[in-house]
Amino acid sequence: MLETAKRLLAIDDDVSSAELIVRIAERCRYEAFATSDSRGVMNLTTALKPSILAVDICMPNLDANDLFELLAHDGYAGRILIVSGQEPAVLEQTRQRALELGLDATHSLQKPLDISVLRNILLDRDMAKAA
């Protein structure tokens, strides 16, 4: 029986942040991709069908809340991991907005990333909701 491919798409206007998430995801046996172009995110999401989207909050052209509306409208069923340097209250407010739209926003992580926490999330360990 074939296992469904675990795919992650990291969306961050900071290329090095997106690439860090990709490297960690690859070590957790994900097919992982990164983009810093928020305008092409919906096309990539449709093409790749990622099981997890790692999303930065503040991006040019399309911020996280706008993206969440598009994802909800498109019926995205994967998990969303919010990754940002914003204050914890902003992270949680953004996560709650995704939940209100019916998206599976399980976690939010503040930059700089705690790599062990990200790894545990990707490996489905310690799945308690993080703020």
N, C-alpha and C. Protein backbone atom coordinates (compact mmCIF):
# COMPACT_ATOMS: atom_id res chain seq x y z
N MET A 1 0.85 -1.19 0.00
CA MET A 1 0.00 0.00 0.00
C MET A 1 0.89 1.24 0.00
N LEU A 2 0.63 2.16 -0.89
CA LEU A 2 1.41 3.39 -0.97
C LEU A 2 0.96 4.39 0.06
N GLU A 3 1.92 5.01 0.71
CA GLU A 3 1.62 6.06 1.69
C GLU A 3 1.41 7.37 0.93
N THR A 4 0.40 8.13 1.36
CA THR A 4 0.18 9.43 0.75
C THR A 4 1.40 10.31 1.03
N ALA A 5 1.89 10.97 0.00
CA ALA A 5 3.07 11.81 0.14
C ALA A 5 2.78 12.96 1.10
N LYS A 6 3.71 13.17 2.01
CA LYS A 6 3.62 14.33 2.89
C LYS A 6 4.34 15.46 2.18
N ARG A 7 3.61 16.54 1.93
CA ARG A 7 4.20 17.69 1.24
C ARG A 7 3.99 18.94 2.08
N LEU A 8 5.00 19.79 2.05
CA LEU A 8 4.94 21.05 2.75
C LEU A 8 5.32 22.15 1.76
N LEU A 9 4.56 23.24 1.83
CA LEU A 9 4.89 24.44 1.06
C LEU A 9 5.11 25.57 2.06
N ALA A 10 6.33 26.11 2.08
CA ALA A 10 6.67 27.24 2.95
C ALA A 10 6.50 28.52 2.16
N ILE A 11 5.70 29.44 2.70
CA ILE A 11 5.40 30.70 2.03
C ILE A 11 5.92 31.83 2.91
N ASP A 12 6.97 32.48 2.46
CA ASP A 12 7.59 33.52 3.26
C ASP A 12 8.36 34.45 2.33
N ASP A 13 8.18 35.76 2.49
CA ASP A 13 8.92 36.70 1.63
C ASP A 13 10.41 36.73 1.99
N ASP A 14 10.78 36.17 3.14
CA ASP A 14 12.18 36.02 3.53
C ASP A 14 12.63 34.63 3.04
N VAL A 15 13.38 34.62 1.95
CA VAL A 15 13.78 33.36 1.31
C VAL A 15 14.51 32.44 2.27
N SER A 16 15.41 32.99 3.10
CA SER A 16 16.17 32.14 4.02
C SER A 16 15.26 31.47 5.05
N SER A 17 14.22 32.15 5.50
CA SER A 17 13.27 31.54 6.45
C SER A 17 12.51 30.40 5.79
N ALA A 18 12.05 30.62 4.57
CA ALA A 18 11.33 29.57 3.84
C ALA A 18 12.23 28.37 3.60
N GLU A 19 13.48 28.63 3.23
CA GLU A 19 14.42 27.54 2.96
C GLU A 19 14.77 26.76 4.22
N LEU A 20 14.83 27.43 5.37
CA LEU A 20 15.07 26.74 6.64
C LEU A 20 13.93 25.77 6.92
N ILE A 21 12.70 26.22 6.76
CA ILE A 21 11.54 25.35 6.99
C ILE A 21 11.59 24.16 6.04
N VAL A 22 11.95 24.39 4.79
CA VAL A 22 12.06 23.31 3.81
C VAL A 22 13.10 22.28 4.26
N ARG A 23 14.26 22.74 4.69
CA ARG A 23 15.31 21.80 5.12
C ARG A 23 14.85 20.95 6.30
N ILE A 24 14.18 21.56 7.25
CA ILE A 24 13.68 20.82 8.41
C ILE A 24 12.62 19.82 7.97
N ALA A 25 11.72 20.25 7.08
CA ALA A 25 10.66 19.36 6.60
C ALA A 25 11.25 18.17 5.84
N GLU A 26 12.25 18.43 5.03
CA GLU A 26 12.89 17.33 4.28
C GLU A 26 13.51 16.31 5.23
N ARG A 27 14.08 16.78 6.32
CA ARG A 27 14.64 15.85 7.32
C ARG A 27 13.54 15.05 8.01
N CYS A 28 12.32 15.58 7.98
CA CYS A 28 11.17 14.86 8.55
C CYS A 28 10.43 14.06 7.48
N ARG A 29 11.10 13.86 6.35
CA ARG A 29 10.60 13.04 5.24
C ARG A 29 9.40 13.62 4.50
N TYR A 30 9.39 14.92 4.39
CA TYR A 30 8.40 15.61 3.57
C TYR A 30 9.02 15.92 2.22
N GLU A 31 8.18 15.96 1.20
CA GLU A 31 8.56 16.65 -0.02
C GLU A 31 8.29 18.11 0.32
N ALA A 32 9.28 18.95 0.21
CA ALA A 32 9.10 20.32 0.68
C ALA A 32 9.50 21.32 -0.39
N PHE A 33 8.73 22.39 -0.45
CA PHE A 33 8.90 23.43 -1.45
C PHE A 33 8.79 24.78 -0.77
N ALA A 34 9.43 25.79 -1.35
CA ALA A 34 9.38 27.14 -0.79
C ALA A 34 9.03 28.13 -1.89
N THR A 35 8.32 29.18 -1.48
CA THR A 35 8.08 30.29 -2.40
C THR A 35 8.13 31.59 -1.61
N SER A 36 8.65 32.62 -2.25
CA SER A 36 8.62 33.95 -1.65
C SER A 36 7.70 34.86 -2.45
N ASP A 37 7.03 34.29 -3.44
CA ASP A 37 6.11 35.05 -4.30
C ASP A 37 4.67 34.75 -3.89
N SER A 38 4.11 35.62 -3.08
CA SER A 38 2.75 35.37 -2.57
C SER A 38 1.70 35.39 -3.68
N ARG A 39 2.01 36.01 -4.81
CA ARG A 39 1.04 36.07 -5.90
C ARG A 39 0.78 34.71 -6.55
N GLY A 40 1.79 33.83 -6.51
CA GLY A 40 1.64 32.53 -7.15
C GLY A 40 1.26 31.40 -6.21
N VAL A 41 0.95 31.74 -4.97
CA VAL A 41 0.70 30.73 -3.95
C VAL A 41 -0.49 29.82 -4.28
N MET A 42 -1.56 30.39 -4.75
CA MET A 42 -2.74 29.56 -5.02
C MET A 42 -2.46 28.56 -6.15
N ASN A 43 -1.73 28.99 -7.17
CA ASN A 43 -1.38 28.06 -8.25
C ASN A 43 -0.49 26.94 -7.73
N LEU A 44 0.49 27.28 -6.89
CA LEU A 44 1.37 26.27 -6.32
C LEU A 44 0.59 25.31 -5.41
N THR A 45 -0.31 25.86 -4.62
CA THR A 45 -1.10 25.03 -3.72
C THR A 45 -1.96 24.04 -4.51
N THR A 46 -2.55 24.51 -5.58
CA THR A 46 -3.36 23.63 -6.43
C THR A 46 -2.50 22.55 -7.07
N ALA A 47 -1.32 22.93 -7.55
CA ALA A 47 -0.45 21.98 -8.24
C ALA A 47 0.20 20.97 -7.28
N LEU A 48 0.67 21.44 -6.14
CA LEU A 48 1.42 20.58 -5.22
C LEU A 48 0.53 19.81 -4.24
N LYS A 49 -0.64 20.35 -3.93
CA LYS A 49 -1.54 19.77 -2.93
C LYS A 49 -0.79 19.44 -1.63
N PRO A 50 -0.18 20.47 -1.01
CA PRO A 50 0.60 20.22 0.21
C PRO A 50 -0.30 19.82 1.38
N SER A 51 0.22 18.91 2.21
CA SER A 51 -0.51 18.53 3.42
C SER A 51 -0.35 19.59 4.50
N ILE A 52 0.72 20.39 4.40
CA ILE A 52 0.94 21.50 5.34
C ILE A 52 1.40 22.73 4.57
N LEU A 53 0.81 23.86 4.93
CA LEU A 53 1.30 25.16 4.45
C LEU A 53 1.91 25.87 5.65
N ALA A 54 3.17 26.27 5.54
CA ALA A 54 3.82 27.10 6.55
C ALA A 54 3.76 28.52 6.02
N VAL A 55 3.00 29.39 6.71
CA VAL A 55 2.66 30.70 6.17
C VAL A 55 3.17 31.82 7.07
N ASP A 56 3.91 32.75 6.47
CA ASP A 56 4.31 33.97 7.16
C ASP A 56 3.09 34.91 7.16
N ILE A 57 2.96 35.73 8.18
CA ILE A 57 1.80 36.63 8.27
C ILE A 57 1.94 37.81 7.32
N CYS A 58 3.07 38.49 7.37
CA CYS A 58 3.24 39.73 6.60
C CYS A 58 4.04 39.46 5.33
N MET A 59 3.35 39.59 4.21
CA MET A 59 3.99 39.41 2.92
C MET A 59 3.47 40.49 1.98
N PRO A 60 4.29 40.90 1.03
CA PRO A 60 3.80 41.87 0.04
C PRO A 60 2.76 41.21 -0.87
N ASN A 61 1.87 41.99 -1.38
CA ASN A 61 0.84 41.57 -2.33
C ASN A 61 -0.31 40.76 -1.72
N LEU A 62 -0.01 39.84 -0.81
CA LEU A 62 -1.05 38.97 -0.26
C LEU A 62 -0.63 38.56 1.15
N ASP A 63 -1.29 39.14 2.17
CA ASP A 63 -0.91 38.76 3.53
C ASP A 63 -1.64 37.47 3.93
N ALA A 64 -1.31 36.95 5.11
CA ALA A 64 -1.86 35.67 5.55
C ALA A 64 -3.38 35.66 5.58
N ASN A 65 -4.00 36.74 6.09
CA ASN A 65 -5.47 36.75 6.18
C ASN A 65 -6.12 36.71 4.81
N ASP A 66 -5.56 37.43 3.83
CA ASP A 66 -6.08 37.36 2.47
C ASP A 66 -5.90 35.96 1.89
N LEU A 67 -4.74 35.37 2.15
CA LEU A 67 -4.47 34.02 1.67
C LEU A 67 -5.45 33.03 2.29
N PHE A 68 -5.73 33.17 3.59
CA PHE A 68 -6.65 32.26 4.25
C PHE A 68 -8.05 32.32 3.62
N GLU A 69 -8.49 33.51 3.25
CA GLU A 69 -9.79 33.63 2.59
C GLU A 69 -9.80 32.88 1.27
N LEU A 70 -8.72 33.02 0.49
CA LEU A 70 -8.63 32.30 -0.78
C LEU A 70 -8.58 30.79 -0.57
N LEU A 71 -7.81 30.36 0.42
CA LEU A 71 -7.71 28.92 0.71
C LEU A 71 -9.05 28.35 1.15
N ALA A 72 -9.76 29.07 2.00
CA ALA A 72 -11.07 28.61 2.46
C ALA A 72 -12.04 28.52 1.29
N HIS A 73 -12.03 29.52 0.43
CA HIS A 73 -12.91 29.54 -0.75
C HIS A 73 -12.59 28.36 -1.67
N ASP A 74 -11.30 28.01 -1.74
CA ASP A 74 -10.85 26.93 -2.61
C ASP A 74 -10.99 25.54 -1.98
N GLY A 75 -11.39 25.50 -0.69
CA GLY A 75 -11.60 24.22 -0.01
C GLY A 75 -10.32 23.53 0.43
N TYR A 76 -9.26 24.29 0.72
CA TYR A 76 -8.01 23.68 1.16
C TYR A 76 -8.25 22.88 2.45
N ALA A 77 -7.82 21.61 2.45
CA ALA A 77 -8.09 20.73 3.58
C ALA A 77 -6.86 20.36 4.39
N GLY A 78 -5.68 20.86 4.01
CA GLY A 78 -4.47 20.54 4.75
C GLY A 78 -4.33 21.38 6.01
N ARG A 79 -3.24 21.14 6.71
CA ARG A 79 -2.96 21.91 7.93
C ARG A 79 -2.23 23.20 7.58
N ILE A 80 -2.40 24.18 8.44
CA ILE A 80 -1.70 25.45 8.28
C ILE A 80 -0.88 25.71 9.53
N LEU A 81 0.37 26.05 9.30
CA LEU A 81 1.30 26.41 10.36
C LEU A 81 1.68 27.87 10.13
N ILE A 82 1.33 28.72 11.06
CA ILE A 82 1.64 30.15 10.95
C ILE A 82 3.01 30.39 11.56
N VAL A 83 3.90 31.00 10.78
CA VAL A 83 5.27 31.27 11.22
C VAL A 83 5.55 32.75 10.98
N SER A 84 5.85 33.48 12.06
CA SER A 84 6.03 34.92 11.90
C SER A 84 6.85 35.49 13.05
N GLY A 85 7.43 36.64 12.79
CA GLY A 85 8.15 37.38 13.82
C GLY A 85 7.24 38.32 14.59
N GLN A 86 5.95 38.30 14.29
CA GLN A 86 4.99 39.16 14.99
C GLN A 86 4.85 38.74 16.46
N GLU A 87 4.25 39.61 17.25
CA GLU A 87 4.00 39.32 18.66
C GLU A 87 3.07 38.12 18.81
N PRO A 88 3.17 37.37 19.91
CA PRO A 88 2.32 36.20 20.12
C PRO A 88 0.82 36.49 19.97
N ALA A 89 0.37 37.66 20.43
CA ALA A 89 -1.06 37.99 20.30
C ALA A 89 -1.49 38.09 18.84
N VAL A 90 -0.62 38.62 17.99
CA VAL A 90 -0.92 38.73 16.56
C VAL A 90 -0.93 37.34 15.92
N LEU A 91 0.02 36.50 16.32
CA LEU A 91 0.04 35.12 15.82
C LEU A 91 -1.27 34.41 16.16
N GLU A 92 -1.70 34.54 17.41
CA GLU A 92 -2.93 33.86 17.83
C GLU A 92 -4.16 34.46 17.15
N GLN A 93 -4.20 35.75 16.99
CA GLN A 93 -5.32 36.41 16.30
C GLN A 93 -5.40 35.91 14.85
N THR A 94 -4.26 35.77 14.20
CA THR A 94 -4.22 35.29 12.82
C THR A 94 -4.66 33.83 12.76
N ARG A 95 -4.21 33.03 13.71
CA ARG A 95 -4.61 31.61 13.77
C ARG A 95 -6.11 31.49 13.98
N GLN A 96 -6.66 32.32 14.87
CA GLN A 96 -8.10 32.29 15.12
C GLN A 96 -8.88 32.66 13.86
N ARG A 97 -8.38 33.61 13.11
CA ARG A 97 -9.05 34.01 11.85
C ARG A 97 -9.10 32.83 10.89
N ALA A 98 -8.00 32.09 10.78
CA ALA A 98 -7.98 30.91 9.91
C ALA A 98 -8.99 29.87 10.39
N LEU A 99 -9.06 29.67 11.70
CA LEU A 99 -10.03 28.72 12.25
C LEU A 99 -11.47 29.15 11.95
N GLU A 100 -11.74 30.45 12.08
CA GLU A 100 -13.08 30.97 11.78
C GLU A 100 -13.48 30.69 10.33
N LEU A 101 -12.49 30.65 9.44
CA LEU A 101 -12.75 30.38 8.03
C LEU A 101 -12.84 28.89 7.73
N GLY A 102 -12.70 28.07 8.78
CA GLY A 102 -12.82 26.62 8.61
C GLY A 102 -11.52 25.94 8.23
N LEU A 103 -10.40 26.64 8.37
CA LEU A 103 -9.11 26.05 8.04
C LEU A 103 -8.50 25.38 9.28
N ASP A 104 -7.66 24.40 9.05
CA ASP A 104 -7.03 23.63 10.11
C ASP A 104 -5.70 24.27 10.51
N ALA A 105 -5.78 25.38 11.21
CA ALA A 105 -4.59 26.12 11.65
C ALA A 105 -4.20 25.60 13.03
N THR A 106 -3.40 24.54 13.04
CA THR A 106 -3.09 23.85 14.28
C THR A 106 -2.09 24.58 15.17
N HIS A 107 -1.14 25.26 14.55
CA HIS A 107 -0.05 25.85 15.33
C HIS A 107 0.37 27.21 14.79
N SER A 108 0.97 27.97 15.67
CA SER A 108 1.66 29.19 15.26
C SER A 108 3.00 29.21 15.98
N LEU A 109 4.03 29.59 15.25
CA LEU A 109 5.37 29.65 15.80
C LEU A 109 5.97 31.02 15.57
N GLN A 110 6.64 31.53 16.59
CA GLN A 110 7.27 32.84 16.47
C GLN A 110 8.71 32.68 16.00
N LYS A 111 9.12 33.57 15.10
CA LYS A 111 10.52 33.61 14.67
C LYS A 111 11.33 34.34 15.73
N PRO A 112 12.57 34.01 15.95
CA PRO A 112 13.30 32.94 15.30
C PRO A 112 12.73 31.58 15.71
N LEU A 113 12.72 30.66 14.75
CA LEU A 113 12.11 29.35 14.97
C LEU A 113 12.88 28.51 15.97
N ASP A 114 12.12 27.80 16.79
CA ASP A 114 12.69 26.74 17.62
C ASP A 114 12.60 25.48 16.77
N ILE A 115 13.74 25.05 16.24
CA ILE A 115 13.77 23.95 15.28
C ILE A 115 13.20 22.67 15.87
N SER A 116 13.45 22.39 17.14
CA SER A 116 12.92 21.16 17.73
C SER A 116 11.39 21.19 17.82
N VAL A 117 10.82 22.36 18.09
CA VAL A 117 9.35 22.47 18.13
C VAL A 117 8.78 22.26 16.73
N LEU A 118 9.39 22.88 15.73
CA LEU A 118 8.92 22.69 14.35
C LEU A 118 9.03 21.22 13.95
N ARG A 119 10.14 20.58 14.26
CA ARG A 119 10.32 19.17 13.94
C ARG A 119 9.23 18.33 14.60
N ASN A 120 8.93 18.58 15.86
CA ASN A 120 7.89 17.82 16.56
C ASN A 120 6.52 18.02 15.92
N ILE A 121 6.23 19.23 15.49
CA ILE A 121 4.95 19.50 14.82
C ILE A 121 4.89 18.70 13.52
N LEU A 122 5.96 18.73 12.74
CA LEU A 122 5.97 18.03 11.46
C LEU A 122 5.91 16.52 11.63
N LEU A 123 6.45 16.02 12.72
CA LEU A 123 6.42 14.58 12.99
C LEU A 123 5.18 14.18 13.78
N ASP A 124 4.26 15.11 13.97
CA ASP A 124 3.01 14.89 14.71
C ASP A 124 3.23 14.50 16.17
N ARG A 125 4.30 15.04 16.74
CA ARG A 125 4.54 14.85 18.17
C ARG A 125 4.07 16.09 18.89
N ASP A 126 3.63 15.90 20.11
CA ASP A 126 3.22 17.05 20.93
C ASP A 126 2.26 17.94 20.16
N MET A 127 1.12 17.37 19.75
CA MET A 127 0.18 18.10 18.89
C MET A 127 -0.74 19.03 19.68
N ALA A 128 -0.42 19.30 20.94
CA ALA A 128 -1.20 20.28 21.68
C ALA A 128 -1.10 21.61 20.94
N LYS A 129 -2.17 22.35 20.94
CA LYS A 129 -2.18 23.64 20.24
C LYS A 129 -1.13 24.56 20.82
N ALA A 130 -0.32 25.13 19.97
CA ALA A 130 0.70 26.10 20.39
C ALA A 130 0.21 27.49 20.07
N ALA A 131 0.53 28.42 20.92
CA ALA A 131 0.13 29.80 20.66
C ALA A 131 1.27 30.57 20.08
